[in-house]
């Protein structure tokens, strides 16, 4: 390979890495495996799916935490907490850090491919599952019952051009790919919805009628939870 071609390849790789890097930092709440919460200062940084959480406070030295030690971390941004949780995507052996969009019977998570403020239009709904919020029980297809609460970090628009959505029951550790926006060769919104929500004809009808677009993922989930799931 000659020198000019090698330089062009290296330049393309640098551009690619710069667009998939991610960094968040600020006042934070570290959530340990036993669900205890520690206040302090935290950062999330990394490239693509290789993310690292670092945290410190008045008594803890600044250090890197591994997925096996944590449920996740909340980082304060623009007067609300962005909530990041470790989840097993599809059949992955190792968890990846995803951001909560909404917690419901079928919950919604997002993985973004760039850093910075995710949205300038967050709803004012509570961002945590609070103890006095009524809980519901969802019976899964395997007979398992999952207890959930109501919680929403609702981004009415996401500022990044590329991101992937995942869904999971309640606050399950396992999530499944729903739709990716802005990446080459990604499955279309319509096909993604028809594939996942095949058991909800009313929702499919709305997608085919273009009542839902790829900017309406939260509305899709709310419709599914309200109209297509049997809650006890």
C-alpha atoms as a PDB file:
ATOM      1  CA  UNK A   1       0.000   0.000   0.000  1.00  0.00           C
ATOM      2  CA  UNK A   2       1.528   3.324  -1.027  1.00  0.00           C
ATOM      3  CA  UNK A   3       1.974   6.265   1.341  1.00  0.00           C
ATOM      4  CA  UNK A   4      -0.840   8.569   0.037  1.00  0.00           C
ATOM      5  CA  UNK A   5      -3.443   5.782   0.288  1.00  0.00           C
ATOM      6  CA  UNK A   6      -2.261   4.885   3.805  1.00  0.00           C
ATOM      7  CA  UNK A   7      -2.593   8.519   4.889  1.00  0.00           C
ATOM      8  CA  UNK A   8      -6.142   8.711   3.514  1.00  0.00           C
ATOM      9  CA  UNK A   9      -7.140   5.531   5.337  1.00  0.00           C
ATOM     10  CA  UNK A  10      -5.697   6.823   8.622  1.00  0.00           C
ATOM     11  CA  UNK A  11      -7.529  10.117   8.155  1.00  0.00           C
ATOM     12  CA  UNK A  12     -10.837   8.308   7.573  1.00  0.00           C
ATOM     13  CA  UNK A  13     -10.276   6.197  10.694  1.00  0.00           C
ATOM     14  CA  UNK A  14      -9.600   9.307  12.784  1.00  0.00           C
ATOM     15  CA  UNK A  15     -12.777  10.942  11.493  1.00  0.00           C
ATOM     16  CA  UNK A  16     -14.763   7.801  12.278  1.00  0.00           C
ATOM     17  CA  UNK A  17     -13.389   7.527  15.818  1.00  0.00           C
ATOM     18  CA  UNK A  18     -14.065  11.198  16.494  1.00  0.00           C
ATOM     19  CA  UNK A  19     -17.719  10.799  15.538  1.00  0.00           C
ATOM     20  CA  UNK A  20     -18.381   7.775  17.715  1.00  0.00           C
ATOM     21  CA  UNK A  21     -16.603   8.993  20.849  1.00  0.00           C
ATOM     22  CA  UNK A  22     -18.783   9.733  23.839  1.00  0.00           C
ATOM     23  CA  UNK A  23     -18.166  11.772  26.981  1.00  0.00           C
ATOM     24  CA  UNK A  24     -20.384  12.929  29.837  1.00  0.00           C
ATOM     25  CA  UNK A  25     -19.356  14.371  33.202  1.00  0.00           C
ATOM     26  CA  UNK A  26     -20.837  16.196  36.144  1.00  0.00           C
ATOM     27  CA  UNK A  27     -22.469  15.740  39.527  1.00  0.00           C
ATOM     28  CA  UNK A  28     -23.501  12.128  39.659  1.00  0.00           C
ATOM     29  CA  UNK A  29     -25.173   9.328  41.573  1.00  0.00           C
ATOM     30  CA  UNK A  30     -23.351   6.003  41.402  1.00  0.00           C
ATOM     31  CA  UNK A  31     -25.705   3.008  41.714  1.00  0.00           C
ATOM     32  CA  UNK A  32     -24.078  -0.132  43.084  1.00  0.00           C
ATOM     33  CA  UNK A  33     -25.167  -3.730  42.562  1.00  0.00           C
ATOM     34  CA  UNK A  34     -26.993  -3.758  45.909  1.00  0.00           C
ATOM     35  CA  UNK A  35     -29.005  -0.693  44.697  1.00  0.00           C
ATOM     36  CA  UNK A  36     -27.290   1.647  47.176  1.00  0.00           C
ATOM     37  CA  UNK A  37     -26.613   5.120  45.810  1.00  0.00           C
ATOM     38  CA  UNK A  38     -23.530   7.279  46.333  1.00  0.00           C
ATOM     39  CA  UNK A  39     -23.416  10.999  45.535  1.00  0.00           C
ATOM     40  CA  UNK A  40     -20.316  12.492  43.958  1.00  0.00           C
ATOM     41  CA  UNK A  41     -18.771  13.440  40.625  1.00  0.00           C
ATOM     42  CA  UNK A  42     -18.733  11.064  37.686  1.00  0.00           C
ATOM     43  CA  UNK A  43     -17.703  10.713  34.064  1.00  0.00           C
ATOM     44  CA  UNK A  44     -18.653   8.402  31.240  1.00  0.00           C
ATOM     45  CA  UNK A  45     -16.211   8.205  28.357  1.00  0.00           C
ATOM     46  CA  UNK A  46     -15.229   5.855  25.600  1.00  0.00           C
ATOM     47  CA  UNK A  47     -15.486   4.955  21.950  1.00  0.00           C
ATOM     48  CA  UNK A  48     -18.477   3.140  20.482  1.00  0.00           C
ATOM     49  CA  UNK A  49     -19.552   0.310  22.802  1.00  0.00           C
ATOM     50  CA  UNK A  50     -16.402   0.481  24.977  1.00  0.00           C
ATOM     51  CA  UNK A  51     -17.567   2.802  27.732  1.00  0.00           C
ATOM     52  CA  UNK A  52     -15.940   3.531  31.083  1.00  0.00           C
ATOM     53  CA  UNK A  53     -17.448   4.977  34.268  1.00  0.00           C
ATOM     54  CA  UNK A  54     -15.213   6.896  36.657  1.00  0.00           C
ATOM     55  CA  UNK A  55     -16.388   8.357  39.940  1.00  0.00           C
ATOM     56  CA  UNK A  56     -15.183  10.178  43.046  1.00  0.00           C
ATOM     57  CA  UNK A  57     -16.457  12.050  46.092  1.00  0.00           C
ATOM     58  CA  UNK A  58     -15.080  13.416  49.363  1.00  0.00           C
ATOM     59  CA  UNK A  59     -14.230   9.954  50.656  1.00  0.00           C
ATOM     60  CA  UNK A  60     -13.730   7.917  47.460  1.00  0.00           C
ATOM     61  CA  UNK A  61     -10.726   8.362  45.209  1.00  0.00           C
ATOM     62  CA  UNK A  62     -11.330   8.937  41.505  1.00  0.00           C
ATOM     63  CA  UNK A  63     -11.315   5.504  39.892  1.00  0.00           C
ATOM     64  CA  UNK A  64     -12.773   3.398  37.131  1.00  0.00           C
ATOM     65  CA  UNK A  65     -15.715   1.113  37.933  1.00  0.00           C
ATOM     66  CA  UNK A  66     -16.544  -2.073  36.056  1.00  0.00           C
ATOM     67  CA  UNK A  67     -19.952  -3.297  34.960  1.00  0.00           C
ATOM     68  CA  UNK A  68     -19.822  -6.149  37.483  1.00  0.00           C
ATOM     69  CA  UNK A  69     -19.759  -3.562  40.289  1.00  0.00           C
ATOM     70  CA  UNK A  70     -22.611  -1.329  39.119  1.00  0.00           C
ATOM     71  CA  UNK A  71     -26.199  -1.093  38.032  1.00  0.00           C
ATOM     72  CA  UNK A  72     -25.398   2.250  36.458  1.00  0.00           C
ATOM     73  CA  UNK A  73     -24.904   5.951  37.011  1.00  0.00           C
ATOM     74  CA  UNK A  74     -27.029   9.114  36.871  1.00  0.00           C
ATOM     75  CA  UNK A  75     -25.312  12.313  35.706  1.00  0.00           C
ATOM     76  CA  UNK A  76     -26.788  15.774  36.252  1.00  0.00           C
ATOM     77  CA  UNK A  77     -27.312  17.816  33.106  1.00  0.00           C
ATOM     78  CA  UNK A  78     -29.423  20.964  32.694  1.00  0.00           C
ATOM     79  CA  UNK A  79     -31.203  20.370  36.029  1.00  0.00           C
ATOM     80  CA  UNK A  80     -32.192  16.774  35.323  1.00  0.00           C
ATOM     81  CA  UNK A  81     -30.413  13.474  35.692  1.00  0.00           C
ATOM     82  CA  UNK A  82     -29.532  11.448  32.639  1.00  0.00           C
ATOM     83  CA  UNK A  83     -29.852   7.826  33.689  1.00  0.00           C
ATOM     84  CA  UNK A  84     -27.432   5.222  32.330  1.00  0.00           C
ATOM     85  CA  UNK A  85     -27.843   1.513  33.073  1.00  0.00           C
ATOM     86  CA  UNK A  86     -25.906  -1.599  32.170  1.00  0.00           C
ATOM     87  CA  UNK A  87     -28.039  -3.899  30.004  1.00  0.00           C
ATOM     88  CA  UNK A  88     -27.439  -7.103  28.078  1.00  0.00           C
ATOM     89  CA  UNK A  89     -28.333  -6.367  24.452  1.00  0.00           C
ATOM     90  CA  UNK A  90     -30.011  -9.203  22.580  1.00  0.00           C
ATOM     91  CA  UNK A  91     -27.807 -12.288  23.182  1.00  0.00           C
ATOM     92  CA  UNK A  92     -24.653 -10.400  24.241  1.00  0.00           C
ATOM     93  CA  UNK A  93     -22.425 -11.990  26.882  1.00  0.00           C
ATOM     94  CA  UNK A  94     -21.379  -8.661  28.370  1.00  0.00           C
ATOM     95  CA  UNK A  95     -23.570  -5.677  29.345  1.00  0.00           C
ATOM     96  CA  UNK A  96     -23.406  -2.299  27.655  1.00  0.00           C
ATOM     97  CA  UNK A  97     -24.267   1.108  29.036  1.00  0.00           C
ATOM     98  CA  UNK A  98     -27.573   2.437  27.669  1.00  0.00           C
ATOM     99  CA  UNK A  99     -29.601   5.502  28.588  1.00  0.00           C
ATOM    100  CA  UNK A 100     -33.131   5.276  29.954  1.00  0.00           C
ATOM    101  CA  UNK A 101     -35.817   7.036  27.934  1.00  0.00           C
ATOM    102  CA  UNK A 102     -38.840   5.591  29.735  1.00  0.00           C
ATOM    103  CA  UNK A 103     -39.569   2.868  32.275  1.00  0.00           C
ATOM    104  CA  UNK A 104     -42.909   1.150  31.741  1.00  0.00           C
ATOM    105  CA  UNK A 105     -44.321  -2.300  31.008  1.00  0.00           C
ATOM    106  CA  UNK A 106     -42.165  -2.265  27.892  1.00  0.00           C
ATOM    107  CA  UNK A 107     -39.341   0.179  28.594  1.00  0.00           C
ATOM    108  CA  UNK A 108     -37.322   2.207  26.105  1.00  0.00           C
ATOM    109  CA  UNK A 109     -33.556   2.762  26.094  1.00  0.00           C
ATOM    110  CA  UNK A 110     -31.282   4.634  23.730  1.00  0.00           C
ATOM    111  CA  UNK A 111     -27.665   4.279  22.736  1.00  0.00           C
ATOM    112  CA  UNK A 112     -26.240   7.414  21.166  1.00  0.00           C
ATOM    113  CA  UNK A 113     -23.080   7.573  19.115  1.00  0.00           C
ATOM    114  CA  UNK A 114     -21.802  10.989  20.122  1.00  0.00           C
ATOM    115  CA  UNK A 115     -21.337  13.002  23.309  1.00  0.00           C
ATOM    116  CA  UNK A 116     -22.876  16.238  24.485  1.00  0.00           C
ATOM    117  CA  UNK A 117     -26.310  17.406  25.581  1.00  0.00           C
ATOM    118  CA  UNK A 118     -28.793  14.837  24.332  1.00  0.00           C
ATOM    119  CA  UNK A 119     -31.818  17.125  24.124  1.00  0.00           C
ATOM    120  CA  UNK A 120     -33.027  20.643  24.831  1.00  0.00           C
ATOM    121  CA  UNK A 121     -36.623  19.488  25.263  1.00  0.00           C
ATOM    122  CA  UNK A 122     -36.972  17.135  28.207  1.00  0.00           C
ATOM    123  CA  UNK A 123     -40.425  16.621  29.695  1.00  0.00           C
ATOM    124  CA  UNK A 124     -41.021  17.509  33.350  1.00  0.00           C
ATOM    125  CA  UNK A 125     -42.217  14.029  34.286  1.00  0.00           C
ATOM    126  CA  UNK A 126     -40.439  12.301  37.214  1.00  0.00           C
ATOM    127  CA  UNK A 127     -37.106  10.774  36.303  1.00  0.00           C
ATOM    128  CA  UNK A 128     -37.071   8.027  38.919  1.00  0.00           C
ATOM    129  CA  UNK A 129     -39.175   5.115  40.067  1.00  0.00           C
ATOM    130  CA  UNK A 130     -40.384   6.613  43.336  1.00  0.00           C
ATOM    131  CA  UNK A 131     -41.603   4.446  46.151  1.00  0.00           C
ATOM    132  CA  UNK A 132     -45.111   5.879  46.414  1.00  0.00           C
ATOM    133  CA  UNK A 133     -45.867   5.494  42.683  1.00  0.00           C
ATOM    134  CA  UNK A 134     -48.253   2.546  42.170  1.00  0.00           C
ATOM    135  CA  UNK A 135     -46.589  -0.507  40.680  1.00  0.00           C
ATOM    136  CA  UNK A 136     -47.951  -2.928  38.134  1.00  0.00           C
ATOM    137  CA  UNK A 137     -47.139  -6.532  37.363  1.00  0.00           C
ATOM    138  CA  UNK A 138     -46.477  -7.704  33.818  1.00  0.00           C
ATOM    139  CA  UNK A 139     -46.689 -11.401  32.982  1.00  0.00           C
ATOM    140  CA  UNK A 140     -44.120 -12.325  30.325  1.00  0.00           C
ATOM    141  CA  UNK A 141     -44.543 -15.033  27.708  1.00  0.00           C
ATOM    142  CA  UNK A 142     -42.409 -17.425  29.784  1.00  0.00           C
ATOM    143  CA  UNK A 143     -44.731 -17.016  32.768  1.00  0.00           C
ATOM    144  CA  UNK A 144     -42.374 -14.738  34.706  1.00  0.00           C
ATOM    145  CA  UNK A 145     -43.987 -11.805  36.495  1.00  0.00           C
ATOM    146  CA  UNK A 146     -42.098  -8.496  36.411  1.00  0.00           C
ATOM    147  CA  UNK A 147     -43.014  -5.718  38.834  1.00  0.00           C
ATOM    148  CA  UNK A 148     -42.573  -2.233  37.439  1.00  0.00           C
ATOM    149  CA  UNK A 149     -43.121   1.366  38.438  1.00  0.00           C
ATOM    150  CA  UNK A 150     -43.809   4.448  36.345  1.00  0.00           C
ATOM    151  CA  UNK A 151     -40.893   6.657  35.386  1.00  0.00           C
ATOM    152  CA  UNK A 152     -40.040   8.733  32.318  1.00  0.00           C
ATOM    153  CA  UNK A 153     -37.054  10.710  31.070  1.00  0.00           C
ATOM    154  CA  UNK A 154     -38.861  11.937  27.977  1.00  0.00           C
ATOM    155  CA  UNK A 155     -36.760  13.507  25.230  1.00  0.00           C
ATOM    156  CA  UNK A 156     -39.157  15.090  22.764  1.00  0.00           C
ATOM    157  CA  UNK A 157     -36.332  15.366  20.265  1.00  0.00           C
ATOM    158  CA  UNK A 158     -32.793  14.003  20.248  1.00  0.00           C
ATOM    159  CA  UNK A 159     -30.095  16.305  18.924  1.00  0.00           C
ATOM    160  CA  UNK A 160     -27.863  13.564  17.539  1.00  0.00           C
ATOM    161  CA  UNK A 161     -28.290  12.236  13.993  1.00  0.00           C
ATOM    162  CA  UNK A 162     -27.380   8.642  14.873  1.00  0.00           C
ATOM    163  CA  UNK A 163     -28.729   6.498  17.678  1.00  0.00           C
ATOM    164  CA  UNK A 164     -30.220   3.078  18.401  1.00  0.00           C
ATOM    165  CA  UNK A 165     -33.272   2.200  20.479  1.00  0.00           C
ATOM    166  CA  UNK A 166     -33.703  -0.906  22.631  1.00  0.00           C
ATOM    167  CA  UNK A 167     -36.674  -2.213  24.572  1.00  0.00           C
ATOM    168  CA  UNK A 168     -37.006  -4.417  27.628  1.00  0.00           C
ATOM    169  CA  UNK A 169     -39.708  -5.483  30.085  1.00  0.00           C
ATOM    170  CA  UNK A 170     -39.860  -3.244  33.150  1.00  0.00           C
ATOM    171  CA  UNK A 171     -36.332  -2.823  34.473  1.00  0.00           C
ATOM    172  CA  UNK A 172     -35.065  -6.173  33.211  1.00  0.00           C
ATOM    173  CA  UNK A 173     -31.312  -6.523  32.671  1.00  0.00           C
ATOM    174  CA  UNK A 174     -31.986  -7.802  29.138  1.00  0.00           C
ATOM    175  CA  UNK A 175     -33.022  -5.565  26.260  1.00  0.00           C
ATOM    176  CA  UNK A 176     -33.611  -6.108  22.549  1.00  0.00           C
ATOM    177  CA  UNK A 177     -32.856  -3.972  19.532  1.00  0.00           C
ATOM    178  CA  UNK A 178     -35.890  -2.124  18.199  1.00  0.00           C
ATOM    179  CA  UNK A 179     -34.699   0.481  15.699  1.00  0.00           C
ATOM    180  CA  UNK A 180     -31.562   2.327  14.606  1.00  0.00           C
ATOM    181  CA  UNK A 181     -31.711   5.779  13.070  1.00  0.00           C
ATOM    182  CA  UNK A 182     -29.048   7.447  10.979  1.00  0.00           C
ATOM    183  CA  UNK A 183     -26.706   4.521  10.342  1.00  0.00           C
ATOM    184  CA  UNK A 184     -26.034   3.140   6.843  1.00  0.00           C
ATOM    185  CA  UNK A 185     -27.969   0.001   5.894  1.00  0.00           C
ATOM    186  CA  UNK A 186     -30.118   0.112   9.050  1.00  0.00           C
ATOM    187  CA  UNK A 187     -33.546  -1.541   8.840  1.00  0.00           C
ATOM    188  CA  UNK A 188     -36.310   0.964   8.060  1.00  0.00           C
ATOM    189  CA  UNK A 189     -38.594   2.301  10.782  1.00  0.00           C
ATOM    190  CA  UNK A 190     -41.660   0.637   9.264  1.00  0.00           C
ATOM    191  CA  UNK A 191     -40.058  -2.792   8.986  1.00  0.00           C
ATOM    192  CA  UNK A 192     -38.551  -2.533  12.479  1.00  0.00           C
ATOM    193  CA  UNK A 193     -41.961  -1.785  13.989  1.00  0.00           C
ATOM    194  CA  UNK A 194     -43.690  -4.508  12.002  1.00  0.00           C
ATOM    195  CA  UNK A 195     -41.071  -7.070  13.014  1.00  0.00           C
ATOM    196  CA  UNK A 196     -41.134  -6.336  16.740  1.00  0.00           C
ATOM    197  CA  UNK A 197     -44.799  -5.463  17.272  1.00  0.00           C
ATOM    198  CA  UNK A 198     -46.217  -8.226  15.086  1.00  0.00           C
ATOM    199  CA  UNK A 199     -48.558  -9.215  17.935  1.00  0.00           C
ATOM    200  CA  UNK A 200     -50.215  -5.776  17.966  1.00  0.00           C
ATOM    201  CA  UNK A 201     -52.223  -5.301  14.727  1.00  0.00           C
ATOM    202  CA  UNK A 202     -53.627  -1.953  15.885  1.00  0.00           C
ATOM    203  CA  UNK A 203     -50.128  -0.560  16.215  1.00  0.00           C
ATOM    204  CA  UNK A 204     -49.059  -1.970  12.850  1.00  0.00           C
ATOM    205  CA  UNK A 205     -52.082  -0.301  11.247  1.00  0.00           C
ATOM    206  CA  UNK A 206     -51.002   3.067  12.667  1.00  0.00           C
ATOM    207  CA  UNK A 207     -47.452   2.589  11.410  1.00  0.00           C
ATOM    208  CA  UNK A 208     -48.683   1.680   7.922  1.00  0.00           C
ATOM    209  CA  UNK A 209     -50.991   4.699   7.960  1.00  0.00           C
ATOM    210  CA  UNK A 210     -47.974   6.858   8.879  1.00  0.00           C
ATOM    211  CA  UNK A 211     -49.586   7.978  12.136  1.00  0.00           C
ATOM    212  CA  UNK A 212     -46.228   7.151  13.756  1.00  0.00           C
ATOM    213  CA  UNK A 213     -42.863   8.184  12.335  1.00  0.00           C
ATOM    214  CA  UNK A 214     -39.301   7.464  13.382  1.00  0.00           C
ATOM    215  CA  UNK A 215     -39.472  10.523  15.646  1.00  0.00           C
ATOM    216  CA  UNK A 216     -42.352   8.994  17.609  1.00  0.00           C
ATOM    217  CA  UNK A 217     -40.712   6.017  19.315  1.00  0.00           C
ATOM    218  CA  UNK A 218     -41.941   7.076  22.747  1.00  0.00           C
ATOM    219  CA  UNK A 219     -45.502   7.404  21.440  1.00  0.00           C
ATOM    220  CA  UNK A 220     -45.190   3.956  19.856  1.00  0.00           C
ATOM    221  CA  UNK A 221     -44.161   2.464  23.203  1.00  0.00           C
ATOM    222  CA  UNK A 222     -46.915   4.293  25.073  1.00  0.00           C
ATOM    223  CA  UNK A 223     -49.518   3.012  22.607  1.00  0.00           C
ATOM    224  CA  UNK A 224     -48.182  -0.524  22.879  1.00  0.00           C
ATOM    225  CA  UNK A 225     -48.156  -0.443  26.683  1.00  0.00           C
ATOM    226  CA  UNK A 226     -51.661   0.997  26.839  1.00  0.00           C
ATOM    227  CA  UNK A 227     -53.337  -1.005  24.071  1.00  0.00           C
ATOM    228  CA  UNK A 228     -51.439  -4.218  23.487  1.00  0.00           C
ATOM    229  CA  UNK A 229     -50.186  -5.540  26.822  1.00  0.00           C
ATOM    230  CA  UNK A 230     -52.274  -7.336  29.423  1.00  0.00           C
ATOM    231  CA  UNK A 231     -51.499  -5.768  32.780  1.00  0.00           C
ATOM    232  CA  UNK A 232     -52.523  -7.295  36.075  1.00  0.00           C
END
